[in-house]
Protein backbone atom coordinates (compact mmCIF):
# COMPACT_ATOMS: atom_id res chain seq x y z
CA UNK A 1 -3.16 -10.66 30.71
CA UNK A 2 -4.93 -9.62 27.51
CA UNK A 3 -2.83 -8.44 24.56
CA UNK A 4 -3.67 -4.95 23.37
CA UNK A 5 -3.62 -4.39 19.63
CA UNK A 6 -2.53 -0.99 18.47
CA UNK A 7 -3.57 0.40 15.10
CA UNK A 8 -0.38 1.98 13.78
CA UNK A 9 -2.00 3.14 10.52
CA UNK A 10 -3.16 6.35 12.22
CA UNK A 11 0.32 7.26 13.50
CA UNK A 12 1.71 10.47 11.99
CA UNK A 13 4.91 8.75 10.79
CA UNK A 14 3.10 5.96 8.90
CA UNK A 15 2.25 7.01 5.34
CA UNK A 16 -1.29 6.54 4.05
CA UNK A 17 -1.85 3.10 2.47
CA UNK A 18 -4.91 2.36 0.35
CA UNK A 19 -6.09 -0.66 -1.59
CA UNK A 20 -6.81 0.01 -5.26
CA UNK A 21 -9.96 -1.35 -6.84
CA UNK A 22 -9.71 -3.48 -10.00
CA UNK A 23 -10.06 -0.56 -12.44
CA UNK A 24 -7.53 1.58 -10.57
CA UNK A 25 -5.08 -1.35 -10.62
CA UNK A 26 -5.50 -1.79 -14.37
CA UNK A 27 -5.00 1.95 -14.91
CA UNK A 28 -1.77 1.99 -12.86
CA UNK A 29 -0.34 -1.00 -14.72
CA UNK A 30 -1.20 0.58 -18.09
CA UNK A 31 0.14 3.98 -17.07
CA UNK A 32 3.55 2.58 -16.19
CA UNK A 33 3.44 -0.19 -18.84
CA UNK A 34 4.27 -2.88 -16.27
CA UNK A 35 2.84 -6.10 -14.85
CA UNK A 36 2.09 -6.89 -11.21
CA UNK A 37 5.26 -9.02 -11.13
CA UNK A 38 7.31 -5.87 -11.74
CA UNK A 39 5.94 -4.03 -8.70
CA UNK A 40 7.75 -4.25 -5.37
CA UNK A 41 5.90 -6.46 -2.90
CA UNK A 42 4.49 -5.86 0.55
CA UNK A 43 3.52 -8.63 2.93
CA UNK A 44 -0.17 -8.93 3.78
CA UNK A 45 0.81 -9.15 7.46
CA UNK A 46 2.60 -5.77 7.35
CA UNK A 47 1.15 -3.75 10.26
CA UNK A 48 0.53 -0.69 8.07
CA UNK A 49 -1.91 -2.59 5.81
CA UNK A 50 -3.29 -5.11 8.28
CA UNK A 51 -6.77 -3.52 8.25
CA UNK A 52 -7.15 -3.40 4.44
CA UNK A 53 -8.40 -7.00 4.03
CA UNK A 54 -6.03 -7.77 1.18
CA UNK A 55 -5.77 -10.76 -1.09
CA UNK A 56 -2.58 -11.89 -2.76
CA UNK A 57 -2.05 -9.74 -5.86
CA UNK A 58 -3.95 -6.65 -4.64
CA UNK A 59 -2.20 -3.37 -5.40
CA UNK A 60 -1.57 -0.83 -2.65
CA UNK A 61 -1.01 2.91 -3.18
CA UNK A 62 1.23 4.58 -0.61
CA UNK A 63 1.25 8.38 -0.18
CA UNK A 64 4.40 9.73 1.44
CA UNK A 65 5.49 13.23 2.34
CA UNK A 66 8.76 14.09 0.66
CA UNK A 67 11.02 17.02 1.57
CA UNK A 68 11.97 17.51 -2.10
CA UNK A 69 8.74 16.60 -3.93
CA UNK A 70 6.14 17.56 -1.37
CA UNK A 71 4.06 14.41 -1.89
CA UNK A 72 5.14 11.20 -3.57
CA UNK A 73 3.20 8.07 -4.51
CA UNK A 74 4.45 4.49 -4.47
CA UNK A 75 2.78 1.23 -5.42
CA UNK A 76 3.21 -2.25 -3.94
CA UNK A 77 1.59 -5.61 -4.64
CA UNK A 78 0.39 -7.75 -1.73
CA UNK A 79 2.10 -11.09 -1.17
């Protein structure tokens, strides 16, 4: 029996994840005056980012809906 792979990134409960390009990554680190080591990590095999073709050290932007803020943005570094 063949295994079926489901893309969970399009599910309504999974927040939008996007890979930042090099300049966007630099801008985020400067904006918050931090290094990549100070960002929380996310595993490259996490199902929500599986299709982003990440390398170790890439920065991910996560957009979440928040009942108090409306929209909120989080950043993670790929491990």
